[in-house]
Protein backbone atom coordinates (compact mmCIF):
# COMPACT_ATOMS: atom_id res chain seq x y z
CA ALA A 1 -14.75 -2.60 -28.36
CA ILE A 2 -15.54 -5.30 -31.04
CA LYS A 3 -15.20 -2.60 -33.81
CA ALA A 4 -12.10 -1.14 -32.33
CA ALA A 5 -10.50 -4.71 -32.29
CA PHE A 6 -11.64 -5.93 -35.69
CA LEU A 7 -12.96 -3.09 -37.98
CA ARG A 8 -10.16 -0.36 -37.18
CA PHE A 9 -13.14 1.73 -35.61
CA THR A 10 -11.37 4.96 -34.52
CA GLY A 11 -13.61 5.42 -31.57
CA ARG A 12 -14.34 9.06 -32.28
CA GLY A 13 -17.38 10.34 -30.42
CA VAL A 14 -17.23 7.45 -27.87
CA PRO A 15 -15.47 9.00 -24.62
CA THR A 16 -13.97 5.71 -23.53
CA LEU A 17 -12.55 4.77 -26.99
CA ALA A 18 -10.79 8.01 -27.76
CA ASP A 19 -7.89 7.33 -29.99
CA ARG A 20 -6.29 10.83 -29.47
CA PHE A 21 -5.98 12.99 -26.18
CA LEU A 22 -3.79 15.79 -25.13
CA TYR A 23 -0.90 14.94 -22.65
CA PRO A 24 1.91 17.04 -21.13
CA ALA A 25 5.15 16.23 -22.92
CA LEU A 26 6.94 15.72 -19.59
CA GLY A 27 4.26 13.78 -17.86
CA VAL A 28 1.03 14.40 -15.95
CA GLY A 29 2.98 15.91 -13.07
CA ARG A 30 3.45 18.98 -15.07
CA LEU A 31 -0.31 19.80 -14.48
CA ALA A 32 0.19 20.19 -10.86
CA GLU A 33 3.50 22.22 -11.26
CA LYS A 34 1.70 24.44 -13.49
CA LEU A 35 -1.13 24.97 -11.16
CA ALA A 36 1.35 25.75 -8.24
CA ALA A 37 3.40 28.08 -10.21
CA SER A 38 0.04 30.00 -11.20
CA VAL A 39 -0.84 30.68 -7.68
CA GLY A 40 0.30 34.37 -7.06
CA ALA A 41 0.55 36.46 -3.83
CA PRO A 42 -1.06 36.22 -1.39
CA GLY A 43 -1.75 32.69 -2.17
CA ARG A 44 0.69 30.12 -1.49
CA VAL A 45 1.02 26.21 -2.00
CA LEU A 46 2.16 23.97 0.86
CA THR A 47 3.58 20.56 0.01
CA GLY A 48 4.39 18.06 2.60
CA ALA A 49 1.81 19.34 4.98
CA ARG A 50 -0.36 17.14 7.11
CA VAL A 51 -4.15 17.91 7.86
CA GLU A 52 -4.79 17.37 11.32
CA GLN A 53 -8.40 18.70 11.69
CA VAL A 54 -11.01 19.74 9.46
CA ARG A 55 -13.24 22.28 11.40
CA HIS A 56 -17.01 23.10 10.62
CA ASP A 57 -20.03 24.59 12.13
CA GLY A 58 -22.41 21.70 11.31
CA ARG A 59 -23.37 23.37 7.82
CA ARG A 60 -19.93 24.38 6.07
CA LEU A 61 -16.20 24.09 6.64
CA GLU A 62 -14.50 26.96 8.63
CA GLY A 63 -10.95 25.75 7.78
CA VAL A 64 -8.36 23.21 8.37
CA ALA A 65 -5.48 22.87 10.82
CA VAL A 66 -2.35 21.57 9.34
CA LEU A 67 1.23 20.48 10.42
CA HIS A 68 3.90 21.80 8.06
CA GLU A 69 7.63 21.63 8.81
CA GLY A 70 7.04 21.13 12.27
CA ARG A 71 4.72 23.93 12.81
CA SER A 72 0.77 23.96 13.41
CA SER A 73 -1.36 26.46 11.71
CA PHE A 74 -5.04 27.31 10.98
CA LEU A 75 -6.10 27.96 7.39
CA SER A 76 -9.49 29.42 6.62
CA ALA A 77 -10.97 29.90 3.05
CA GLY A 78 -14.11 30.50 1.22
CA HIS A 79 -14.07 27.04 -0.67
CA PHE A 80 -12.41 23.83 0.01
CA VAL A 81 -11.62 20.98 -2.54
CA SER A 82 -10.77 17.79 -0.49
CA THR A 83 -8.93 14.82 -1.91
CA ILE A 84 -8.54 13.13 1.51
CA PRO A 85 -10.14 9.65 1.59
CA LEU A 86 -13.52 9.44 3.21
CA THR A 87 -12.24 7.00 5.82
CA THR A 88 -9.73 9.53 6.95
CA LEU A 89 -11.68 12.74 6.42
CA VAL A 90 -14.59 11.57 8.85
CA ARG A 91 -11.94 11.08 11.59
CA LEU A 92 -10.62 14.67 11.11
CA LEU A 93 -13.77 16.26 11.32
CA ARG A 94 -14.28 18.66 14.39
CA PRO A 95 -16.87 18.62 16.00
CA ARG A 96 -16.82 14.73 15.35
CA PRO A 97 -19.83 13.18 13.39
CA PRO A 98 -22.23 10.89 14.86
CA ALA A 99 -21.07 7.54 15.93
CA GLU A 100 -23.05 5.91 13.11
CA VAL A 101 -21.27 7.98 10.57
CA VAL A 102 -17.88 7.02 11.89
CA ARG A 103 -19.01 3.35 11.92
CA ALA A 104 -20.11 3.44 8.51
CA ALA A 105 -16.81 5.27 7.25
CA SER A 106 -14.74 2.58 9.16
CA ARG A 107 -16.38 -0.17 7.05
CA LEU A 108 -15.01 1.45 3.68
CA ARG A 109 -11.84 0.01 2.16
CA TYR A 110 -9.73 1.39 -0.48
CA ARG A 111 -7.56 -0.54 -2.94
CA ASP A 112 -3.84 0.33 -2.78
CA LEU A 113 -1.57 0.42 -5.76
CA VAL A 114 1.83 -0.79 -6.66
CA ILE A 115 3.21 0.60 -9.68
CA VAL A 116 6.21 -1.44 -11.34
CA SER A 117 8.14 0.09 -14.26
CA VAL A 118 10.38 -2.37 -16.34
CA GLU A 119 13.09 -0.46 -18.54
CA LEU A 120 13.74 -2.03 -21.82
CA ALA A 121 16.59 -1.81 -24.32
CA ARG A 122 14.01 -1.42 -27.32
CA GLN A 123 12.48 1.41 -29.10
CA ARG A 124 8.93 0.52 -28.36
CA VAL A 125 6.68 -2.43 -27.59
CA THR A 126 3.15 -1.33 -28.28
CA ASP A 127 1.11 1.44 -29.83
CA LEU A 128 -1.66 1.15 -27.31
CA THR A 129 -2.75 3.62 -24.71
CA TRP A 130 -3.73 1.01 -22.07
CA LEU A 131 -3.60 -2.68 -22.04
CA TYR A 132 -5.92 -4.46 -19.53
CA VAL A 133 -4.80 -8.02 -18.54
CA PRO A 134 -7.93 -10.02 -17.06
CA ASP A 135 -6.07 -13.13 -16.60
CA PRO A 136 -6.16 -14.20 -12.97
CA ALA A 137 -2.81 -15.98 -13.41
CA VAL A 138 -1.08 -12.69 -14.30
CA PRO A 139 -0.63 -10.64 -11.00
CA PHE A 140 -1.05 -7.04 -12.58
CA ALA A 141 -4.20 -5.91 -14.20
CA ARG A 142 -3.19 -2.93 -16.30
CA LEU A 143 -0.13 -1.83 -18.52
CA HIS A 144 0.81 1.19 -20.22
CA GLU A 145 3.72 2.44 -22.21
CA PRO A 146 4.53 6.02 -21.34
CA LYS A 147 6.45 6.75 -24.50
CA ASN A 148 3.06 6.30 -26.40
CA TRP A 149 1.85 9.33 -24.39
CA SER A 150 4.96 11.36 -25.11
CA PRO A 151 8.39 10.42 -26.64
CA LEU A 152 10.10 12.54 -23.94
CA LEU A 153 9.05 9.77 -21.38
CA ALA A 154 12.01 7.59 -22.15
CA PRO A 155 15.37 7.93 -23.33
CA PRO A 156 16.35 7.55 -27.07
CA GLY A 157 16.20 3.85 -28.02
CA ARG A 158 14.65 2.78 -24.92
CA THR A 159 11.22 2.40 -23.41
CA HIS A 160 9.43 1.06 -20.32
CA LEU A 161 6.22 -0.78 -19.61
CA VAL A 162 4.51 0.24 -16.36
CA ALA A 163 2.31 -2.58 -14.67
CA GLU A 164 -0.17 -1.69 -12.13
CA TYR A 165 -0.72 -4.20 -9.21
CA PHE A 166 -4.11 -3.66 -7.43
CA CYS A 167 -3.79 -4.81 -3.79
CA PHE A 168 -4.06 -3.99 -0.05
CA GLU A 169 -1.54 -2.34 1.93
CA GLY A 170 0.38 -4.88 4.04
CA ASP A 171 -0.52 -7.72 1.81
CA ASP A 172 1.92 -10.03 0.11
CA THR A 173 2.01 -7.93 -3.04
CA TRP A 174 2.80 -4.78 -1.06
CA GLN A 175 5.35 -6.44 1.03
CA THR A 176 7.46 -8.02 -1.80
CA ASP A 177 10.85 -6.33 -2.19
CA ASP A 178 11.45 -4.10 -5.32
CA ASP A 179 13.88 -6.37 -7.15
CA ARG A 180 11.46 -9.26 -6.91
CA LEU A 181 8.61 -7.20 -8.28
CA VAL A 182 10.47 -6.02 -11.15
CA ALA A 183 11.72 -9.58 -11.87
CA LEU A 184 8.14 -11.02 -11.48
CA THR A 185 6.70 -8.43 -13.72
CA ALA A 186 9.32 -8.82 -16.53
CA ASP A 187 8.87 -12.64 -16.24
CA HIS A 188 5.07 -12.23 -17.03
CA LEU A 189 5.60 -9.62 -19.68
CA ALA A 190 7.88 -12.31 -21.36
CA ARG A 191 5.37 -15.05 -20.80
CA LEU A 192 2.56 -12.63 -22.48
CA GLY A 193 4.97 -12.37 -25.41
CA LEU A 194 5.35 -8.61 -25.22
CA ILE A 195 9.13 -8.59 -24.44
CA ARG A 196 12.10 -10.70 -24.37
CA ARG A 197 13.74 -11.25 -20.91
CA ASP A 198 17.11 -10.30 -22.14
CA GLU A 199 15.75 -6.81 -23.20
CA VAL A 200 15.20 -5.86 -19.57
CA ILE A 201 17.85 -3.39 -18.26
CA GLY A 202 16.24 -1.83 -15.04
CA GLY A 203 13.23 -1.26 -13.14
CA ALA A 204 11.52 0.95 -10.45
CA VAL A 205 8.70 0.35 -8.14
CA VAL A 206 6.24 2.91 -6.43
CA ARG A 207 3.64 2.07 -3.76
CA VAL A 208 0.72 4.27 -3.72
CA PRO A 209 -1.45 4.03 -0.45
């Protein structure tokens, strides 16, 4: 990190200091879209489906019961990849796991995320991939400027900075209304010297449980 900051060290060969990486021109969502498009018959992709049970025989998974568009169905497969939080997955298992496993899972907590994007009447703010903010007086912990990953991620002559607030669902940050979060983020960006307050032309908020 010292070399990168003071000696123009490129970071090549050090995975966490890579100065170049591949990124989809229209954003990371294109990866999921391309994967979905590549699934051919008889396969299918269900979005907006809720897993209601994960059934197993004590050794391996047998299938999942899902609710999709108001209809319940059971899906079996040879392999499963789960991104369900462990706290939820344990509750979905049928047969149910031993009580001590349920208790242990219930003690786990996941951080939640509030993402605040501030749109700016400016060509670009930084040339950085990420910017971490360790100051406890600043409510967000990390920033990025999507335009640095792909010029197509902002309109011509504009850019936006995206701030990440690490929080817990239901706390003060989570419950703060969108307009206030955008204003708060813009104020802190200005105090950090990254932007001028009069450059702000809009914003958006996404809450990620």
